[in-house]
């Protein structure tokens, strides 16, 4: 089928199967077009809990996002649009490593970025998003915090909570971590006068050269609030969205070959259609004991993040 025909078939299949389609902002524009709700990972998970009449959810993104939807909405059938779509950072820290650390350091609070596996969330005290990390870490009762897996986001958070000892390990987002100072300087030279908005998953020396630092949603809101041209230093889905929403504005993707997440771009329209019909994707199943352990860290995120 042609793209237009496939989109029409998807809309019909959504209605016939009673499926809510969630798409992360980093998805390709065609996927965004057929989604019911778009946003960052936690916004999508929360959205699914607020649609009681939909018992089936198709998540267009990566596995930890579909897992989070299932953790918060166990009564729903949750399907990941592409079985192989995963997040390398979510798998970088072994749960056994955290378990061993906790035994030796019982006074340290373990804080996990939401971009982690269910098994890892189950070993942690609290989750954070990039937009709530500083607020939550500041509010934690412990003076020592192990922040995993993203060393770049953790390092960024530590700048704002100097009263706490932040312990970092060696995890990172391969996509954001690949951006260099050279990439930033080249973009500045190519687009003089443009502001640069960066995600804190990038290296600290890259972040230091930028005008605004924030999460996916914060970068989008920043771009809406200024009249300047903006160089987007995060996954290219954000620049795609802004360019489509504001075609008269100047938005430029920083290092597009680097800031294109291959896992986020796996899902195609054909995948979505086939998954709606039950012929593709992966149904998410989580052991109830594991789900409840992982949910505790998310519940604490809501407690401390407000």
Protein backbone atom coordinates (compact mmCIF):
# COMPACT_ATOMS: atom_id res chain seq x y z
CA UNK A 1 0.00 0.00 0.00
CA UNK A 2 1.02 3.60 -0.57
CA UNK A 3 1.71 5.73 2.51
CA UNK A 4 -1.65 7.51 2.45
CA UNK A 5 -3.52 4.23 2.02
CA UNK A 6 -1.54 2.61 4.81
CA UNK A 7 -2.28 5.49 7.19
CA UNK A 8 -5.98 5.20 6.39
CA UNK A 9 -5.86 1.44 7.00
CA UNK A 10 -4.12 2.02 10.34
CA UNK A 11 -6.78 4.49 11.49
CA UNK A 12 -9.46 1.95 10.60
CA UNK A 13 -7.61 -0.88 12.36
CA UNK A 14 -7.20 1.22 15.50
CA UNK A 15 -10.94 1.71 15.66
CA UNK A 16 -11.79 -1.91 14.91
CA UNK A 17 -9.35 -3.32 17.47
CA UNK A 18 -9.95 -0.70 20.17
CA UNK A 19 -6.25 0.09 20.34
CA UNK A 20 -4.66 3.25 21.70
CA UNK A 21 -1.46 4.10 19.80
CA UNK A 22 1.27 5.89 21.74
CA UNK A 23 4.33 7.27 19.95
CA UNK A 24 7.47 8.73 21.46
CA UNK A 25 8.54 12.10 20.08
CA UNK A 26 11.66 10.48 18.60
CA UNK A 27 9.57 8.35 16.23
CA UNK A 28 9.55 9.08 12.49
CA UNK A 29 7.05 11.74 11.32
CA UNK A 30 4.79 9.17 9.62
CA UNK A 31 4.42 7.30 12.92
CA UNK A 32 3.64 10.54 14.77
CA UNK A 33 0.87 11.21 12.24
CA UNK A 34 -1.10 8.06 13.13
CA UNK A 35 -0.57 8.15 16.90
CA UNK A 36 -3.31 9.06 19.36
CA UNK A 37 -0.87 10.51 21.88
CA UNK A 38 2.75 11.60 21.51
CA UNK A 39 5.30 12.70 24.08
CA UNK A 40 8.25 11.56 26.17
CA UNK A 41 8.37 8.12 27.79
CA UNK A 42 6.76 8.93 31.12
CA UNK A 43 4.11 11.20 29.59
CA UNK A 44 3.05 8.27 27.42
CA UNK A 45 2.88 5.87 30.35
CA UNK A 46 0.78 8.31 32.36
CA UNK A 47 -1.48 8.92 29.38
CA UNK A 48 -2.27 5.22 29.09
CA UNK A 49 -3.54 5.14 32.68
CA UNK A 50 -6.01 7.92 31.90
CA UNK A 51 -7.77 6.14 29.02
CA UNK A 52 -9.93 3.58 30.87
CA UNK A 53 -12.02 2.64 27.84
CA UNK A 54 -8.95 1.41 25.94
CA UNK A 55 -7.80 -2.03 27.07
CA UNK A 56 -5.13 -2.42 24.38
CA UNK A 57 -2.12 -0.15 23.88
CA UNK A 58 0.41 -0.17 21.04
CA UNK A 59 3.63 1.58 22.01
CA UNK A 60 5.75 2.96 19.18
CA UNK A 61 9.13 3.47 20.77
CA UNK A 62 11.52 1.13 22.60
CA UNK A 63 11.04 -1.71 25.07
CA UNK A 64 11.51 0.07 28.40
CA UNK A 65 8.71 2.47 27.42
CA UNK A 66 6.28 -0.35 26.72
CA UNK A 67 7.36 -1.97 29.99
CA UNK A 68 6.60 1.24 31.87
CA UNK A 69 3.11 1.36 30.39
CA UNK A 70 2.55 -2.24 31.52
CA UNK A 71 3.92 -1.51 35.01
CA UNK A 72 1.40 1.30 35.45
CA UNK A 73 -1.49 -0.34 33.57
CA UNK A 74 -1.26 -4.10 34.20
CA UNK A 75 -4.87 -4.61 33.18
CA UNK A 76 -4.16 -3.50 29.62
CA UNK A 77 -2.70 -5.55 26.80
CA UNK A 78 0.48 -3.66 25.91
CA UNK A 79 2.24 -4.29 22.62
CA UNK A 80 5.67 -3.01 21.57
CA UNK A 81 5.51 -2.08 17.89
CA UNK A 82 8.87 -3.67 17.00
CA UNK A 83 10.22 -6.59 19.01
CA UNK A 84 13.86 -5.63 18.40
CA UNK A 85 13.50 -1.96 19.38
CA UNK A 86 15.42 -1.57 22.60
CA UNK A 87 17.41 1.13 24.39
CA UNK A 88 21.12 0.28 24.83
CA UNK A 89 21.37 2.49 27.91
CA UNK A 90 18.48 0.68 29.59
CA UNK A 91 20.50 -2.55 29.55
CA UNK A 92 23.93 -1.18 30.50
CA UNK A 93 23.71 -1.73 34.25
CA UNK A 94 23.18 -5.28 35.51
CA UNK A 95 20.62 -5.58 38.34
CA UNK A 96 23.05 -7.89 40.16
CA UNK A 97 25.62 -5.08 40.27
CA UNK A 98 23.13 -2.78 41.98
CA UNK A 99 22.10 -5.50 44.40
CA UNK A 100 25.71 -6.05 45.43
CA UNK A 101 26.27 -2.29 45.79
CA UNK A 102 23.23 -1.92 48.05
CA UNK A 103 24.46 -4.68 50.35
CA UNK A 104 27.78 -2.88 50.82
CA UNK A 105 26.26 0.64 50.93
CA UNK A 106 22.91 0.48 52.76
CA UNK A 107 22.95 4.25 53.40
CA UNK A 108 23.02 5.16 49.70
CA UNK A 109 19.78 5.86 47.83
CA UNK A 110 19.72 4.26 44.38
CA UNK A 111 18.20 6.53 41.76
CA UNK A 112 17.41 5.19 38.29
CA UNK A 113 16.73 7.18 35.15
CA UNK A 114 13.41 5.99 33.76
CA UNK A 115 15.39 4.80 30.71
CA UNK A 116 16.11 1.48 32.43
CA UNK A 117 14.86 -2.08 32.29
CA UNK A 118 12.08 -3.31 34.56
CA UNK A 119 14.57 -5.58 36.32
CA UNK A 120 16.81 -2.62 37.13
CA UNK A 121 13.92 -0.44 38.31
CA UNK A 122 13.02 -3.22 40.74
CA UNK A 123 16.43 -2.87 42.43
CA UNK A 124 16.21 0.91 42.83
CA UNK A 125 14.58 3.28 45.30
CA UNK A 126 13.31 5.92 42.92
CA UNK A 127 13.09 6.74 39.21
CA UNK A 128 13.55 10.14 37.58
CA UNK A 129 12.99 11.70 34.21
CA UNK A 130 15.37 14.24 32.72
CA UNK A 131 12.90 17.01 33.59
CA UNK A 132 12.40 15.93 37.23
CA UNK A 133 15.86 14.60 38.12
CA UNK A 134 17.16 17.70 39.90
CA UNK A 135 13.95 18.18 41.90
CA UNK A 136 13.75 14.55 42.96
CA UNK A 137 17.42 14.11 43.89
CA UNK A 138 17.22 17.33 45.92
CA UNK A 139 14.19 15.98 47.81
CA UNK A 140 15.63 12.55 48.63
CA UNK A 141 16.31 12.04 52.36
CA UNK A 142 19.67 10.36 51.71
CA UNK A 143 22.85 12.45 51.51
CA UNK A 144 24.45 9.88 49.18
CA UNK A 145 22.86 8.93 45.87
CA UNK A 146 23.89 6.38 43.27
CA UNK A 147 22.59 7.78 39.97
CA UNK A 148 22.30 5.22 37.15
CA UNK A 149 22.72 4.56 34.33
CA UNK A 150 23.41 7.90 32.60
CA UNK A 151 26.65 9.46 33.81
CA UNK A 152 25.99 12.61 31.76
CA UNK A 153 22.55 13.30 33.19
CA UNK A 154 23.84 12.38 36.64
CA UNK A 155 26.75 14.78 36.29
CA UNK A 156 24.35 17.52 35.21
CA UNK A 157 22.16 16.88 38.26
CA UNK A 158 25.16 17.00 40.61
CA UNK A 159 25.81 20.62 39.60
CA UNK A 160 22.50 21.64 41.18
CA UNK A 161 22.68 19.54 44.33
CA UNK A 162 26.22 20.14 45.65
CA UNK A 163 25.05 19.24 49.15
CA UNK A 164 24.68 15.60 48.09
CA UNK A 165 27.32 13.06 47.13
CA UNK A 166 26.34 11.78 43.67
CA UNK A 167 27.94 8.48 42.69
CA UNK A 168 28.11 7.85 38.93
CA UNK A 169 28.79 4.68 37.00
CA UNK A 170 29.75 4.23 33.36
CA UNK A 171 26.40 4.26 31.55
CA UNK A 172 25.32 6.68 28.83
CA UNK A 173 23.02 7.12 25.84
CA UNK A 174 25.22 6.11 22.87
CA UNK A 175 23.35 8.51 20.59
CA UNK A 176 23.65 11.64 22.74
CA UNK A 177 27.10 10.71 24.06
CA UNK A 178 28.47 10.60 20.51
CA UNK A 179 28.12 14.36 20.02
CA UNK A 180 31.40 16.28 20.25
CA UNK A 181 32.51 19.85 20.86
CA UNK A 182 33.56 19.94 17.21
CA UNK A 183 29.98 19.17 16.17
CA UNK A 184 28.73 22.12 18.19
CA UNK A 185 31.35 24.55 16.89
CA UNK A 186 30.65 23.53 13.30
CA UNK A 187 26.92 24.08 13.81
CA UNK A 188 27.54 27.50 15.35
CA UNK A 189 29.69 28.49 12.38
CA UNK A 190 27.08 27.25 9.92
CA UNK A 191 24.17 28.99 11.66
CA UNK A 192 25.56 32.18 13.25
CA UNK A 193 23.20 33.80 15.71
CA UNK A 194 21.16 30.64 16.29
CA UNK A 195 20.61 29.45 19.84
CA UNK A 196 21.48 25.87 20.77
CA UNK A 197 19.15 23.71 22.86
CA UNK A 198 20.72 20.54 24.26
CA UNK A 199 19.60 17.45 26.15
CA UNK A 200 21.57 16.74 29.37
CA UNK A 201 22.33 13.23 28.12
CA UNK A 202 25.08 14.88 26.06
CA UNK A 203 28.65 15.21 27.37
CA UNK A 204 29.27 18.05 29.85
CA UNK A 205 31.70 19.82 27.50
CA UNK A 206 28.98 19.86 24.83
CA UNK A 207 26.32 21.05 27.26
CA UNK A 208 28.62 23.88 28.38
CA UNK A 209 28.55 25.40 24.88
CA UNK A 210 24.77 25.53 24.58
CA UNK A 211 22.18 28.17 25.42
CA UNK A 212 19.46 25.97 26.87
CA UNK A 213 19.57 22.60 28.61
CA UNK A 214 16.45 20.52 29.03
CA UNK A 215 14.41 17.39 28.48
CA UNK A 216 12.59 16.62 25.24
CA UNK A 217 9.45 18.50 26.28
CA UNK A 218 11.46 21.35 27.80
CA UNK A 219 13.44 21.83 24.58
CA UNK A 220 10.20 21.96 22.59
CA UNK A 221 8.70 24.52 24.98
CA UNK A 222 11.90 26.58 24.88
CA UNK A 223 11.82 26.68 21.09
CA UNK A 224 8.23 27.85 21.19
CA UNK A 225 9.12 30.65 23.61
CA UNK A 226 11.94 32.27 21.61
CA UNK A 227 11.97 33.95 18.23
CA UNK A 228 15.56 33.00 17.40
CA UNK A 229 16.61 30.20 15.09
CA UNK A 230 17.51 27.15 17.18
CA UNK A 231 20.02 24.36 16.66
CA UNK A 232 18.54 21.19 18.20
CA UNK A 233 21.08 19.07 20.09
CA UNK A 234 19.00 16.01 20.80
CA UNK A 235 17.48 13.15 18.79
CA UNK A 236 16.31 14.37 15.40
CA UNK A 237 12.65 13.55 16.10
CA UNK A 238 12.44 16.80 18.07
CA UNK A 239 13.74 18.86 15.16
CA UNK A 240 11.39 17.03 12.78
CA UNK A 241 8.43 17.90 14.99
CA UNK A 242 9.36 21.54 15.39
CA UNK A 243 10.05 21.97 11.67
CA UNK A 244 6.65 20.53 10.80
CA UNK A 245 4.77 22.50 13.45
CA UNK A 246 6.51 25.80 12.64
CA UNK A 247 7.61 25.66 8.97
CA UNK A 248 8.32 29.39 8.93
CA UNK A 249 10.91 29.06 11.73
CA UNK A 250 14.56 28.10 11.46
CA UNK A 251 15.29 24.83 13.29
CA UNK A 252 18.51 23.01 12.51
CA UNK A 253 19.49 19.51 13.54
CA UNK A 254 22.89 19.22 15.20
CA UNK A 255 24.96 16.31 13.84
CA UNK A 256 22.03 14.50 12.20
CA UNK A 257 24.06 11.39 11.43
CA UNK A 258 24.88 11.03 15.12
CA UNK A 259 21.63 12.20 16.68
CA UNK A 260 19.39 9.72 14.91
CA UNK A 261 18.57 6.83 17.23
CA UNK A 262 18.46 3.62 15.14
CA UNK A 263 16.21 1.86 17.65
CA UNK A 264 13.70 4.69 17.71
CA UNK A 265 13.55 4.65 13.94
CA UNK A 266 12.99 0.88 13.60
CA UNK A 267 9.20 1.07 13.60
CA UNK A 268 7.55 1.57 10.21
CA UNK A 269 3.95 2.20 9.23
CA UNK A 270 3.73 -1.39 8.00
CA UNK A 271 4.95 -2.58 11.42
CA UNK A 272 2.21 -0.56 13.11
CA UNK A 273 -0.48 -1.93 10.83
CA UNK A 274 0.69 -5.52 11.27
CA UNK A 275 0.96 -5.07 15.05
CA UNK A 276 -2.59 -3.73 15.20
CA UNK A 277 -3.75 -6.91 13.48
CA UNK A 278 -1.72 -9.08 15.87
CA UNK A 279 0.82 -10.16 13.26
CA UNK A 280 3.84 -8.18 14.48
CA UNK A 281 5.35 -6.60 17.57
CA UNK A 282 5.70 -8.08 21.03
CA UNK A 283 3.09 -8.44 23.76
CA UNK A 284 4.60 -7.26 27.05
CA UNK A 285 4.40 -9.71 29.94
CA UNK A 286 5.80 -8.88 33.39
CA UNK A 287 5.78 -11.15 36.44
CA UNK A 288 3.51 -9.58 39.06
CA UNK A 289 6.09 -9.65 41.85
CA UNK A 290 8.65 -7.98 39.58
CA UNK A 291 6.09 -5.44 38.39
CA UNK A 292 5.24 -4.36 41.93
CA UNK A 293 8.92 -4.01 42.86
CA UNK A 294 9.56 -1.87 39.78
CA UNK A 295 6.38 0.17 40.36
CA UNK A 296 7.66 1.18 43.81
CA UNK A 297 10.47 3.22 42.22
CA UNK A 298 7.97 4.92 39.92
CA UNK A 299 5.59 5.62 42.80
CA UNK A 300 8.48 7.27 44.66
CA UNK A 301 9.18 9.35 41.57
CA UNK A 302 5.65 10.72 41.80
CA UNK A 303 6.04 11.20 45.56
CA UNK A 304 9.22 13.26 45.34
CA UNK A 305 8.63 14.81 41.92
CA UNK A 306 5.16 16.14 42.66
